[in-house]
Amino acid sequence: MADASEGAAPASAPEESPLGNLGAMFKWRYNHIWKLYGQKKYEEAEAEAMKMLMEPRLGDFHRAGMHLLLAGSPHDYVDNAKQAVRLYGKILEEYGSNMSPKEQSGIQNLINRSNQALEKALRDQSDIERNVREYLASGKTIDDLHDEQMKELQEREMEVARVEMSKEEVALGSQVPPSSQSVPDDAGAARSSGVGGPPSAARKLPMETDEELPTYD
């Protein structure tokens, strides 16, 4: 979830520049992680983002970007969205007077996108809490809910694996009959594996179709 109109986020993050080679390494990792996200490699991007957040010398700009990315993950998305809003706001407050109008606009757009992510995260959290209450009110237990969630997760992983195998067979030009080579899209697979518990864990950042990811040169 970078400036939707200008594309890239501010070209300079003032808190990173004094770090020299370390800052350059953070910049490369930051852009690489967002590129993974743009390639829909969500789990890999999220795992790398969590690792990057463990860096003690990571500056506020890169830290905010990783929290923004994780606001679209299935875990701790509310806290991550709140941290993104806080850090981008801090950057604008502390460095805004030294920024160009374009840089200020870029940070403000990131604040707006973080707020959108937070609103979505709070809605999702509310939906999950309501569904859990309804589930328990039906007479089932938390253990039943966990069992169903594990079953759904296993079925989803098996479906994704089957889809990937089918894609590989098609790419290799295998002699599988055409009627069995149809490959369902990921959205269809997710819709077909729903259960009566909380919403699916699959989440994405709220983005317009013409928005670019917040990488920068």
Protein backbone atom coordinates (compact mmCIF):
# COMPACT_ATOMS: atom_id res chain seq x y z
CA MET A 1 0.00 0.00 0.00
CA ALA A 2 4.16 5.87 -2.03
CA ASP A 3 2.46 8.28 -3.74
CA ALA A 4 -0.40 6.97 -5.88
CA SER A 5 -0.01 9.74 -8.42
CA GLU A 6 3.77 10.22 -8.42
CA GLY A 7 4.55 6.52 -8.02
CA ALA A 8 7.68 6.39 -5.87
CA ALA A 9 7.96 7.38 -2.24
CA PRO A 10 10.34 10.22 -1.30
CA ALA A 11 13.76 9.70 -2.85
CA SER A 12 15.54 10.41 0.42
CA ALA A 13 14.76 9.21 3.90
CA PRO A 14 16.64 11.65 6.19
CA GLU A 15 17.06 9.17 9.01
CA GLU A 16 18.80 6.61 6.76
CA SER A 17 21.50 8.68 5.04
CA PRO A 18 24.10 8.80 7.87
CA LEU A 19 24.34 5.00 7.89
CA GLY A 20 26.32 4.80 4.64
CA ASN A 21 26.62 1.21 3.41
CA LEU A 22 24.18 0.00 6.04
CA GLY A 23 21.60 2.51 4.82
CA ALA A 24 22.15 1.35 1.24
CA MET A 25 21.62 -2.24 2.35
CA PHE A 26 18.38 -1.31 4.13
CA LYS A 27 17.21 0.51 1.01
CA TRP A 28 17.90 -2.54 -1.17
CA ARG A 29 16.13 -4.90 1.23
CA TYR A 30 13.17 -2.53 1.53
CA ASN A 31 12.69 -2.32 -2.23
CA HIS A 32 13.25 -6.07 -2.64
CA ILE A 33 10.58 -6.89 -0.06
CA TRP A 34 8.03 -4.61 -1.72
CA LYS A 35 8.85 -6.16 -5.09
CA LEU A 36 8.14 -9.60 -3.63
CA TYR A 37 4.80 -8.25 -2.44
CA GLY A 38 4.10 -6.84 -5.90
CA GLN A 39 4.80 -10.29 -7.35
CA LYS A 40 2.13 -11.66 -4.97
CA LYS A 41 4.73 -13.58 -2.98
CA TYR A 42 2.97 -12.43 0.14
CA GLU A 43 4.26 -14.94 2.67
CA GLU A 44 7.87 -14.47 1.57
CA ALA A 45 7.52 -10.68 1.65
CA GLU A 46 5.94 -10.77 5.09
CA ALA A 47 8.63 -13.06 6.49
CA GLU A 48 11.36 -10.75 5.15
CA ALA A 49 9.55 -7.68 6.49
CA MET A 50 9.43 -9.19 9.99
CA LYS A 51 13.17 -9.92 9.81
CA MET A 52 13.90 -6.37 8.72
CA LEU A 53 11.91 -4.94 11.62
CA MET A 54 14.30 -6.75 13.98
CA GLU A 55 17.19 -4.57 12.75
CA PRO A 56 18.04 -2.23 15.68
CA ARG A 57 19.41 0.55 13.42
CA LEU A 58 16.53 0.52 10.94
CA GLY A 59 15.28 4.07 10.39
CA ASP A 60 11.73 5.28 10.70
CA PHE A 61 11.03 5.45 6.95
CA HIS A 62 11.97 1.83 6.25
CA ARG A 63 10.39 0.69 9.51
CA ALA A 64 7.12 2.41 8.60
CA GLY A 65 7.13 0.76 5.18
CA MET A 66 7.54 -2.70 6.67
CA HIS A 67 4.71 -2.07 9.13
CA LEU A 68 2.55 -0.88 6.22
CA LEU A 69 3.25 -4.08 4.30
CA LEU A 70 2.46 -6.22 7.34
CA ALA A 71 -0.83 -4.35 7.78
CA GLY A 72 -2.00 -6.54 4.91
CA SER A 73 -0.92 -9.79 6.58
CA PRO A 74 -3.16 -12.19 8.54
CA HIS A 75 -1.36 -11.50 11.83
CA ASP A 76 -1.11 -8.40 14.05
CA TYR A 77 -2.44 -6.30 11.18
CA VAL A 78 -4.10 -3.71 13.44
CA ASP A 79 -0.90 -3.05 15.41
CA ASN A 80 1.17 -2.88 12.22
CA ALA A 81 -1.23 -0.41 10.63
CA LYS A 82 -1.13 1.76 13.77
CA GLN A 83 2.66 1.74 13.74
CA ALA A 84 2.75 2.75 10.06
CA VAL A 85 0.43 5.70 10.74
CA ARG A 86 2.49 6.76 13.76
CA LEU A 87 5.89 6.54 12.07
CA TYR A 88 4.92 8.29 8.84
CA GLY A 89 3.30 11.02 10.92
CA LYS A 90 6.49 11.35 12.96
CA ILE A 91 8.58 11.66 9.79
CA LEU A 92 6.37 14.41 8.42
CA GLU A 93 6.36 16.27 11.74
CA GLU A 94 10.11 16.05 12.34
CA TYR A 95 11.45 16.41 8.79
CA GLY A 96 8.61 18.05 6.89
CA SER A 97 10.09 21.55 7.09
CA ASN A 98 13.22 20.30 5.29
CA MET A 99 11.33 18.42 2.58
CA SER A 100 10.41 19.58 -0.87
CA PRO A 101 6.67 19.88 -1.65
CA LYS A 102 6.93 16.64 -3.65
CA GLU A 103 8.52 14.81 -0.71
CA GLN A 104 5.90 16.16 1.69
CA SER A 105 3.17 14.99 -0.68
CA GLY A 106 4.78 11.55 -0.89
CA ILE A 107 4.82 11.11 2.89
CA GLN A 108 1.27 12.44 3.20
CA ASN A 109 0.11 9.88 0.64
CA LEU A 110 1.79 7.15 2.68
CA ILE A 111 0.00 8.42 5.79
CA ASN A 112 -3.30 8.28 3.87
CA ARG A 113 -2.62 4.74 2.69
CA SER A 114 -1.67 3.69 6.22
CA ASN A 115 -4.93 5.12 7.54
CA GLN A 116 -6.83 3.20 4.86
CA ALA A 117 -5.00 0.03 5.90
CA LEU A 118 -5.87 0.73 9.55
CA GLU A 119 -9.55 1.23 8.74
CA LYS A 120 -9.60 -2.07 6.84
CA ALA A 121 -7.73 -3.85 9.64
CA LEU A 122 -10.21 -2.63 12.24
CA ARG A 123 -13.14 -3.76 10.07
CA ASP A 124 -11.57 -7.18 9.59
CA GLN A 125 -10.89 -7.50 13.32
CA SER A 126 -14.49 -6.58 14.09
CA ASP A 127 -15.78 -9.13 11.55
CA ILE A 128 -13.61 -11.86 13.05
CA GLU A 129 -14.73 -11.10 16.60
CA ARG A 130 -18.40 -11.11 15.52
CA ASN A 131 -18.01 -14.39 13.65
CA VAL A 132 -16.28 -16.02 16.61
CA ARG A 133 -19.10 -14.92 18.94
CA GLU A 134 -21.69 -16.33 16.53
CA TYR A 135 -19.70 -19.54 16.16
CA LEU A 136 -19.47 -20.08 19.92
CA ALA A 137 -23.14 -19.18 20.37
CA SER A 138 -24.01 -22.07 18.05
CA GLY A 139 -22.77 -24.48 20.72
CA LYS A 140 -19.33 -25.17 19.31
CA THR A 141 -16.09 -24.68 21.23
CA ILE A 142 -12.83 -22.87 20.62
CA ASP A 143 -11.22 -26.27 20.00
CA ASP A 144 -13.82 -26.96 17.30
CA LEU A 145 -13.02 -23.61 15.73
CA HIS A 146 -9.30 -24.28 15.74
CA ASP A 147 -9.85 -27.72 14.19
CA GLU A 148 -11.94 -26.22 11.38
CA GLN A 149 -9.38 -23.49 10.78
CA MET A 150 -6.57 -26.04 10.56
CA LYS A 151 -8.62 -28.15 8.17
CA GLU A 152 -9.33 -25.10 6.00
CA LEU A 153 -5.65 -24.15 5.99
CA GLN A 154 -4.59 -27.65 4.98
CA GLU A 155 -7.20 -27.78 2.22
CA ARG A 156 -6.10 -24.36 0.94
CA GLU A 157 -2.43 -25.40 0.90
CA MET A 158 -3.30 -28.61 -0.96
CA GLU A 159 -5.37 -26.66 -3.49
CA VAL A 160 -2.56 -24.16 -4.06
CA ALA A 161 -0.08 -27.01 -4.52
CA ARG A 162 -2.42 -28.70 -7.00
CA VAL A 163 -2.84 -25.47 -8.94
CA GLU A 164 0.91 -24.93 -9.10
CA MET A 165 1.44 -28.48 -10.34
CA SER A 166 -1.20 -27.97 -13.01
CA LYS A 167 0.47 -24.74 -14.12
CA GLU A 168 3.82 -26.52 -14.39
CA GLU A 169 2.28 -29.29 -16.45
CA VAL A 170 0.72 -26.76 -18.81
CA ALA A 171 4.00 -24.84 -19.07
CA LEU A 172 5.89 -28.02 -19.92
CA GLY A 173 3.37 -28.92 -22.60
CA SER A 174 2.33 -32.17 -20.96
CA GLN A 175 -0.11 -34.47 -22.73
CA VAL A 176 -2.83 -34.07 -20.14
CA PRO A 177 -6.27 -33.96 -21.84
CA PRO A 178 -7.38 -30.32 -22.31
CA SER A 179 -10.47 -30.76 -20.13
CA SER A 180 -8.31 -31.51 -17.10
CA GLN A 181 -5.80 -28.72 -17.73
CA SER A 182 -8.10 -25.91 -16.64
CA VAL A 183 -6.45 -24.08 -13.75
CA PRO A 184 -8.69 -22.25 -11.24
CA ASP A 185 -7.46 -18.85 -10.12
CA ASP A 186 -6.33 -18.27 -6.55
CA ALA A 187 -9.47 -16.30 -5.75
CA GLY A 188 -11.66 -19.19 -6.81
CA ALA A 189 -9.63 -21.58 -4.70
CA ALA A 190 -10.01 -19.33 -1.68
CA ARG A 191 -13.77 -18.97 -2.20
CA SER A 192 -14.22 -22.73 -2.46
CA SER A 193 -12.45 -23.42 0.84
CA GLY A 194 -14.43 -21.19 3.20
CA VAL A 195 -15.79 -22.48 6.50
CA GLY A 196 -18.30 -21.12 8.93
CA GLY A 197 -15.68 -19.59 11.22
CA PRO A 198 -13.79 -16.29 10.95
CA PRO A 199 -12.99 -14.75 7.55
CA SER A 200 -10.18 -16.28 5.52
CA ALA A 201 -6.69 -15.35 6.66
CA ALA A 202 -5.87 -14.09 3.16
CA ARG A 203 -5.59 -10.30 3.33
CA LYS A 204 -4.14 -7.64 1.08
CA LEU A 205 -3.49 -3.95 1.46
CA PRO A 206 -6.30 -1.68 0.27
CA MET A 207 -4.93 -0.36 -3.03
CA GLU A 208 -6.36 1.18 -6.16
CA THR A 209 -5.59 -0.65 -9.39
CA ASP A 210 -3.32 2.16 -10.63
CA GLU A 211 -1.37 2.56 -7.38
CA GLU A 212 2.29 1.64 -7.32
CA LEU A 213 4.09 0.02 -4.42
CA PRO A 214 6.06 2.32 -2.08
CA THR A 215 9.54 1.56 -3.39
CA TYR A 216 11.90 4.43 -4.17
CA ASP A 217 15.02 5.13 -6.23
